[in-house]
Amino acid sequence: MEHASQVIDPVCHMKVRVTEATPRSAYGGQEYFFCAPGCKTAFDKDPGKYLG
């Protein structure tokens, strides 16, 4: 059984289990993962707000 890695959603700070279906965005040469499409949308509108 494969173990999915876990990361922290930069918008809501929840732990996210990364799978093929996990919402994601690329910014500044790095990939970010989100718990839900709403967090991805918020990040995409203003990434700098969440990466400070």
PDB file of N, CA and C in Angstrom:
ATOM      1  N   MET A   1       0.849  -1.187   0.000  1.00  0.00           N
ATOM      2  CA  MET A   1       0.000   0.000   0.000  1.00  0.00           C
ATOM      3  C   MET A   1       0.891   1.247   0.000  1.00  0.00           C
ATOM      4  N   GLU A   2       0.583   2.182  -0.910  1.00  0.00           N
ATOM      5  CA  GLU A   2       1.359   3.418  -0.984  1.00  0.00           C
ATOM      6  C   GLU A   2       0.893   4.396   0.079  1.00  0.00           C
ATOM      7  N   HIS A   3       1.840   5.137   0.626  1.00  0.00           N
ATOM      8  CA  HIS A   3       1.496   6.175   1.597  1.00  0.00           C
ATOM      9  C   HIS A   3       1.562   7.519   0.894  1.00  0.00           C
ATOM     10  N   ALA A   4       0.459   8.242   0.890  1.00  0.00           N
ATOM     11  CA  ALA A   4       0.435   9.575   0.287  1.00  0.00           C
ATOM     12  C   ALA A   4       1.152  10.540   1.228  1.00  0.00           C
ATOM     13  N   SER A   5       1.855  11.479   0.659  1.00  0.00           N
ATOM     14  CA  SER A   5       2.528  12.463   1.506  1.00  0.00           C
ATOM     15  C   SER A   5       1.515  13.485   1.999  1.00  0.00           C
ATOM     16  N   GLN A   6       1.850  14.133   3.092  1.00  0.00           N
ATOM     17  CA  GLN A   6       0.989  15.180   3.635  1.00  0.00           C
ATOM     18  C   GLN A   6       1.739  16.499   3.603  1.00  0.00           C
ATOM     19  N   VAL A   7       1.008  17.553   3.263  1.00  0.00           N
ATOM     20  CA  VAL A   7       1.555  18.904   3.225  1.00  0.00           C
ATOM     21  C   VAL A   7       0.560  19.822   3.924  1.00  0.00           C
ATOM     22  N   ILE A   8       0.956  21.071   4.109  1.00  0.00           N
ATOM     23  CA  ILE A   8       0.070  22.056   4.729  1.00  0.00           C
ATOM     24  C   ILE A   8      -0.492  22.980   3.651  1.00  0.00           C
ATOM     25  N   ASP A   9      -1.802  23.126   3.624  1.00  0.00           N
ATOM     26  CA  ASP A   9      -2.475  24.047   2.712  1.00  0.00           C
ATOM     27  C   ASP A   9      -2.036  25.466   3.089  1.00  0.00           C
ATOM     28  N   PRO A  10      -1.462  26.241   2.149  1.00  0.00           N
ATOM     29  CA  PRO A  10      -0.971  27.578   2.493  1.00  0.00           C
ATOM     30  C   PRO A  10      -2.082  28.579   2.805  1.00  0.00           C
ATOM     31  N   VAL A  11      -3.317  28.267   2.454  1.00  0.00           N
ATOM     32  CA  VAL A  11      -4.426  29.200   2.683  1.00  0.00           C
ATOM     33  C   VAL A  11      -5.048  28.988   4.064  1.00  0.00           C
ATOM     34  N   CYS A  12      -5.470  27.747   4.368  1.00  0.00           N
ATOM     35  CA  CYS A  12      -6.185  27.490   5.621  1.00  0.00           C
ATOM     36  C   CYS A  12      -5.337  26.756   6.659  1.00  0.00           C
ATOM     37  N   HIS A  13      -4.132  26.337   6.266  1.00  0.00           N
ATOM     38  CA  HIS A  13      -3.168  25.661   7.147  1.00  0.00           C
ATOM     39  C   HIS A  13      -3.610  24.280   7.612  1.00  0.00           C
ATOM     40  N   MET A  14      -4.546  23.659   6.884  1.00  0.00           N
ATOM     41  CA  MET A  14      -4.940  22.281   7.187  1.00  0.00           C
ATOM     42  C   MET A  14      -3.921  21.318   6.596  1.00  0.00           C
ATOM     43  N   LYS A  15      -3.796  20.146   7.206  1.00  0.00           N
ATOM     44  CA  LYS A  15      -2.977  19.084   6.623  1.00  0.00           C
ATOM     45  C   LYS A  15      -3.730  18.516   5.425  1.00  0.00           C
ATOM     46  N   VAL A  16      -2.997  18.309   4.332  1.00  0.00           N
ATOM     47  CA  VAL A  16      -3.596  17.801   3.103  1.00  0.00           C
ATOM     48  C   VAL A  16      -2.852  16.542   2.678  1.00  0.00           C
ATOM     49  N   ARG A  17      -3.590  15.502   2.419  1.00  0.00           N
ATOM     50  CA  ARG A  17      -2.997  14.273   1.884  1.00  0.00           C
ATOM     51  C   ARG A  17      -2.952  14.422   0.370  1.00  0.00           C
ATOM     52  N   VAL A  18      -1.771  14.359  -0.203  1.00  0.00           N
ATOM     53  CA  VAL A  18      -1.589  14.583  -1.629  1.00  0.00           C
ATOM     54  C   VAL A  18      -1.891  13.309  -2.413  1.00  0.00           C
ATOM     55  N   THR A  19      -2.851  13.433  -3.327  1.00  0.00           N
ATOM     56  CA  THR A  19      -3.203  12.355  -4.254  1.00  0.00           C
ATOM     57  C   THR A  19      -3.298  12.974  -5.651  1.00  0.00           C
ATOM     58  N   GLU A  20      -3.612  12.162  -6.633  1.00  0.00           N
ATOM     59  CA  GLU A  20      -3.780  12.701  -7.987  1.00  0.00           C
ATOM     60  C   GLU A  20      -4.925  13.698  -8.064  1.00  0.00           C
ATOM     61  N   ALA A  21      -5.917  13.574  -7.202  1.00  0.00           N
ATOM     62  CA  ALA A  21      -7.090  14.437  -7.237  1.00  0.00           C
ATOM     63  C   ALA A  21      -6.940  15.713  -6.396  1.00  0.00           C
ATOM     64  N   THR A  22      -5.841  15.860  -5.679  1.00  0.00           N
ATOM     65  CA  THR A  22      -5.653  17.019  -4.807  1.00  0.00           C
ATOM     66  C   THR A  22      -5.532  18.298  -5.639  1.00  0.00           C
ATOM     67  N   PRO A  23      -6.331  19.335  -5.319  1.00  0.00           N
ATOM     68  CA  PRO A  23      -6.178  20.611  -6.032  1.00  0.00           C
ATOM     69  C   PRO A  23      -4.770  21.150  -5.830  1.00  0.00           C
ATOM     70  N   ARG A  24      -4.183  21.710  -6.901  1.00  0.00           N
ATOM     71  CA  ARG A  24      -2.803  22.194  -6.827  1.00  0.00           C
ATOM     72  C   ARG A  24      -2.608  23.377  -7.753  1.00  0.00           C
ATOM     73  N   SER A  25      -1.612  24.179  -7.436  1.00  0.00           N
ATOM     74  CA  SER A  25      -1.206  25.309  -8.267  1.00  0.00           C
ATOM     75  C   SER A  25       0.304  25.403  -8.251  1.00  0.00           C
ATOM     76  N   ALA A  26       0.853  25.880  -9.350  1.00  0.00           N
ATOM     77  CA  ALA A  26       2.290  26.135  -9.425  1.00  0.00           C
ATOM     78  C   ALA A  26       2.501  27.639  -9.319  1.00  0.00           C
ATOM     79  N   TYR A  27       3.479  28.035  -8.515  1.00  0.00           N
ATOM     80  CA  TYR A  27       3.800  29.450  -8.358  1.00  0.00           C
ATOM     81  C   TYR A  27       5.265  29.571  -7.974  1.00  0.00           C
ATOM     82  N   GLY A  28       5.983  30.449  -8.657  1.00  0.00           N
ATOM     83  CA  GLY A  28       7.388  30.675  -8.329  1.00  0.00           C
ATOM     84  C   GLY A  28       8.245  29.434  -8.423  1.00  0.00           C
ATOM     85  N   GLY A  29       7.906  28.534  -9.338  1.00  0.00           N
ATOM     86  CA  GLY A  29       8.689  27.317  -9.516  1.00  0.00           C
ATOM     87  C   GLY A  29       8.415  26.226  -8.500  1.00  0.00           C
ATOM     88  N   GLN A  30       7.396  26.406  -7.680  1.00  0.00           N
ATOM     89  CA  GLN A  30       7.046  25.411  -6.662  1.00  0.00           C
ATOM     90  C   GLN A  30       5.576  25.032  -6.815  1.00  0.00           C
ATOM     91  N   GLU A  31       5.243  23.818  -6.403  1.00  0.00           N
ATOM     92  CA  GLU A  31       3.862  23.351  -6.460  1.00  0.00           C
ATOM     93  C   GLU A  31       3.249  23.414  -5.064  1.00  0.00           C
ATOM     94  N   TYR A  32       2.028  23.937  -4.985  1.00  0.00           N
ATOM     95  CA  TYR A  32       1.298  24.058  -3.718  1.00  0.00           C
ATOM     96  C   TYR A  32       0.021  23.238  -3.815  1.00  0.00           C
ATOM     97  N   PHE A  33      -0.373  22.646  -2.690  1.00  0.00           N
ATOM     98  CA  PHE A  33      -1.528  21.753  -2.642  1.00  0.00           C
ATOM     99  C   PHE A  33      -2.566  22.304  -1.673  1.00  0.00           C
ATOM    100  N   PHE A  34      -3.847  22.009  -1.968  1.00  0.00           N
ATOM    101  CA  PHE A  34      -4.952  22.607  -1.218  1.00  0.00           C
ATOM    102  C   PHE A  34      -5.971  21.556  -0.787  1.00  0.00           C
ATOM    103  N   CYS A  35      -6.659  21.866   0.324  1.00  0.00           N
ATOM    104  CA  CYS A  35      -7.646  20.935   0.863  1.00  0.00           C
ATOM    105  C   CYS A  35      -8.921  20.920   0.023  1.00  0.00           C
ATOM    106  N   ALA A  36      -9.204  22.037  -0.672  1.00  0.00           N
ATOM    107  CA  ALA A  36     -10.448  22.166  -1.427  1.00  0.00           C
ATOM    108  C   ALA A  36     -10.257  23.186  -2.554  1.00  0.00           C
ATOM    109  N   PRO A  37     -11.117  23.126  -3.565  1.00  0.00           N
ATOM    110  CA  PRO A  37     -11.019  24.072  -4.672  1.00  0.00           C
ATOM    111  C   PRO A  37     -11.113  25.541  -4.236  1.00  0.00           C
ATOM    112  N   GLY A  38     -11.855  25.824  -3.181  1.00  0.00           N
ATOM    113  CA  GLY A  38     -11.977  27.208  -2.705  1.00  0.00           C
ATOM    114  C   GLY A  38     -10.653  27.782  -2.234  1.00  0.00           C
ATOM    115  N   CYS A  39      -9.842  26.973  -1.576  1.00  0.00           N
ATOM    116  CA  CYS A  39      -8.518  27.433  -1.132  1.00  0.00           C
ATOM    117  C   CYS A  39      -7.611  27.660  -2.336  1.00  0.00           C
ATOM    118  N   LYS A  40      -7.694  26.799  -3.341  1.00  0.00           N
ATOM    119  CA  LYS A  40      -6.905  26.971  -4.556  1.00  0.00           C
ATOM    120  C   LYS A  40      -7.289  28.273  -5.253  1.00  0.00           C
ATOM    121  N   THR A  41      -8.572  28.553  -5.344  1.00  0.00           N
ATOM    122  CA  THR A  41      -9.050  29.776  -5.987  1.00  0.00           C
ATOM    123  C   THR A  41      -8.536  31.007  -5.257  1.00  0.00           C
ATOM    124  N   ALA A  42      -8.605  30.995  -3.931  1.00  0.00           N
ATOM    125  CA  ALA A  42      -8.117  32.130  -3.135  1.00  0.00           C
ATOM    126  C   ALA A  42      -6.620  32.325  -3.356  1.00  0.00           C
ATOM    127  N   PHE A  43      -5.863  31.235  -3.368  1.00  0.00           N
ATOM    128  CA  PHE A  43      -4.415  31.306  -3.585  1.00  0.00           C
ATOM    129  C   PHE A  43      -4.106  31.854  -4.972  1.00  0.00           C
ATOM    130  N   ASP A  44      -4.805  31.364  -5.977  1.00  0.00           N
ATOM    131  CA  ASP A  44      -4.553  31.784  -7.359  1.00  0.00           C
ATOM    132  C   ASP A  44      -4.811  33.275  -7.563  1.00  0.00           C
ATOM    133  N   LYS A  45      -5.746  33.849  -6.800  1.00  0.00           N
ATOM    134  CA  LYS A  45      -6.044  35.283  -6.918  1.00  0.00           C
ATOM    135  C   LYS A  45      -4.925  36.146  -6.355  1.00  0.00           C
ATOM    136  N   ASP A  46      -4.240  35.670  -5.294  1.00  0.00           N
ATOM    137  CA  ASP A  46      -3.212  36.480  -4.635  1.00  0.00           C
ATOM    138  C   ASP A  46      -2.223  35.590  -3.882  1.00  0.00           C
ATOM    139  N   PRO A  47      -1.342  34.884  -4.602  1.00  0.00           N
ATOM    140  CA  PRO A  47      -0.415  33.964  -3.938  1.00  0.00           C
ATOM    141  C   PRO A  47       0.453  34.627  -2.874  1.00  0.00           C
ATOM    142  N   GLY A  48       0.907  35.841  -3.120  1.00  0.00           N
ATOM    143  CA  GLY A  48       1.778  36.525  -2.178  1.00  0.00           C
ATOM    144  C   GLY A  48       1.164  36.718  -0.813  1.00  0.00           C
ATOM    145  N   LYS A  49      -0.140  36.833  -0.756  1.00  0.00           N
ATOM    146  CA  LYS A  49      -0.856  37.002   0.503  1.00  0.00           C
ATOM    147  C   LYS A  49      -0.654  35.785   1.417  1.00  0.00           C
ATOM    148  N   TYR A  50      -0.518  34.602   0.821  1.00  0.00           N
ATOM    149  CA  TYR A  50      -0.425  33.365   1.598  1.00  0.00           C
ATOM    150  C   TYR A  50       0.993  32.851   1.770  1.00  0.00           C
ATOM    151  N   LEU A  51       1.945  33.450   1.082  1.00  0.00           N
ATOM    152  CA  LEU A  51       3.320  32.964   1.155  1.00  0.00           C
ATOM    153  C   LEU A  51       4.228  33.891   1.928  1.00  0.00           C
ATOM    154  N   GLY A  52       3.674  34.935   2.534  1.00  0.00           N
ATOM    155  CA  GLY A  52       4.486  35.897   3.288  1.00  0.00           C
ATOM    156  C   GLY A  52       4.969  35.288   4.538  1.00  0.00           C
TER     157      GLY A  52
END
